[in-house]
Amino acid sequence: MAEESFRDIGEKIVVKVDPDLEDLIPMFLDNRRQDVETLTEALAGRDFEKIRFVGHDMKGSGGGYGFQGISDIGNRLEAAAKNSDAETVETCIRELSDYLRRVRVSAT
């Protein structure tokens, strides 16, 4: 399922999702919004294991729901956490927050 590049600041991100998953999407996105808070707290506490866990979960679940951008951010978060790279983690948190603010869902 295609989605527009999410790196174009300010543009809406339209994601086409499987109609069978449409009812699950609001909770999935709410959980990712909670991840922003969890990641921010984990970064403040330098809890890179928690960041790695959240990133790994996002990497695995995003694409399954049609949100490849979330999987991509999760992949980068996981790698950054393994390297204790706080700067990249912070960048990924900002990107995730921005992505969630701009994403719009369209059923196929």
Protein backbone atom coordinates (compact mmCIF):
# COMPACT_ATOMS: atom_id res chain seq x y z
CA MET A 1 0.00 0.00 0.00
CA ALA A 2 1.54 3.22 -1.13
CA GLU A 3 1.88 6.34 0.90
CA GLU A 4 3.37 9.67 0.05
CA SER A 5 6.80 10.65 1.29
CA PHE A 6 6.43 11.85 4.85
CA ARG A 7 9.56 13.97 4.76
CA ASP A 8 7.84 16.77 2.83
CA ILE A 9 7.17 19.13 5.71
CA GLY A 10 3.61 20.43 5.92
CA GLU A 11 2.09 18.14 3.32
CA LYS A 12 -0.65 15.72 4.28
CA ILE A 13 0.31 12.08 4.28
CA VAL A 14 -2.45 9.96 2.77
CA VAL A 15 -2.29 6.28 3.60
CA LYS A 16 -4.60 3.79 1.92
CA VAL A 17 -5.50 1.01 4.33
CA ASP A 18 -7.19 -2.32 3.89
CA PRO A 19 -10.92 -1.88 4.63
CA ASP A 20 -10.73 -4.94 6.91
CA LEU A 21 -8.31 -3.01 9.15
CA GLU A 22 -10.08 0.35 9.01
CA ASP A 23 -11.79 -0.05 12.41
CA LEU A 24 -8.43 -0.85 14.07
CA ILE A 25 -6.57 2.16 12.69
CA PRO A 26 -7.71 4.81 15.22
CA MET A 27 -6.45 2.70 18.15
CA PHE A 28 -3.23 1.88 16.29
CA LEU A 29 -2.54 5.58 15.70
CA ASP A 30 -3.50 6.49 19.29
CA ASN A 31 -0.98 3.91 20.49
CA ARG A 32 1.70 5.51 18.32
CA ARG A 33 0.84 8.90 19.84
CA GLN A 34 1.38 7.32 23.24
CA ASP A 35 4.71 6.01 21.92
CA VAL A 36 5.81 9.62 21.35
CA GLU A 37 5.31 10.27 25.07
CA THR A 38 6.94 6.98 26.07
CA LEU A 39 9.94 7.63 23.83
CA THR A 40 10.33 11.19 25.09
CA GLU A 41 10.36 9.97 28.70
CA ALA A 42 12.73 7.12 27.87
CA LEU A 43 15.12 9.49 26.12
CA ALA A 44 15.07 11.86 29.10
CA GLY A 45 16.01 8.89 31.30
CA ARG A 46 18.49 7.56 28.71
CA ASP A 47 16.58 4.26 28.71
CA PHE A 48 17.83 3.03 25.35
CA GLU A 49 16.49 -0.48 25.97
CA LYS A 50 12.93 0.88 26.22
CA ILE A 51 13.54 2.97 23.07
CA ARG A 52 14.86 -0.11 21.26
CA PHE A 53 11.79 -2.11 22.30
CA VAL A 54 9.33 0.59 21.14
CA GLY A 55 11.23 1.05 17.87
CA HIS A 56 11.24 -2.69 17.23
CA ASP A 57 7.49 -2.87 17.86
CA MET A 58 6.82 0.05 15.49
CA LYS A 59 9.07 -1.47 12.83
CA GLY A 60 7.08 -4.69 12.96
CA SER A 61 3.57 -3.31 13.16
CA GLY A 62 3.56 -0.18 10.99
CA GLY A 63 3.71 -1.86 7.61
CA GLY A 64 1.16 -4.48 8.64
CA TYR A 65 -1.39 -1.72 9.11
CA GLY A 66 -0.31 0.08 5.93
CA PHE A 67 1.93 2.69 7.56
CA GLN A 68 5.36 2.04 6.10
CA GLY A 69 6.54 5.44 7.36
CA ILE A 70 6.00 4.27 10.94
CA SER A 71 7.95 1.08 10.23
CA ASP A 72 10.79 3.13 8.76
CA ILE A 73 10.94 5.41 11.80
CA GLY A 74 10.79 2.37 14.09
CA ASN A 75 13.69 0.78 12.25
CA ARG A 76 15.81 3.90 12.69
CA LEU A 77 14.80 4.20 16.35
CA GLU A 78 15.80 0.62 17.04
CA ALA A 79 19.20 1.09 15.39
CA ALA A 80 19.81 4.40 17.17
CA ALA A 81 18.93 2.87 20.53
CA LYS A 82 21.36 0.00 19.97
CA ASN A 83 24.07 2.64 19.48
CA SER A 84 22.86 4.87 22.35
CA ASP A 85 22.51 7.64 19.74
CA ALA A 86 20.36 10.18 21.58
CA GLU A 87 20.49 12.74 18.76
CA THR A 88 19.03 10.34 16.20
CA VAL A 89 16.42 9.14 18.70
CA GLU A 90 15.36 12.75 19.25
CA THR A 91 15.11 13.30 15.50
CA CYS A 92 13.00 10.15 15.10
CA ILE A 93 10.65 11.24 17.88
CA ARG A 94 10.10 14.57 16.11
CA GLU A 95 9.53 12.78 12.80
CA LEU A 96 7.02 10.38 14.37
CA SER A 97 5.13 13.24 16.00
CA ASP A 98 5.06 15.16 12.71
CA TYR A 99 4.00 12.05 10.78
CA LEU A 100 1.10 11.42 13.17
CA ARG A 101 -0.02 15.03 12.95
CA ARG A 102 -0.16 14.94 9.15
CA VAL A 103 -1.36 11.41 8.37
CA ARG A 104 -4.81 10.92 6.85
CA VAL A 105 -6.37 7.51 6.30
CA SER A 106 -8.19 6.46 3.17
CA ALA A 107 -9.83 3.04 2.81
CA THR A 108 -9.16 1.27 -0.48
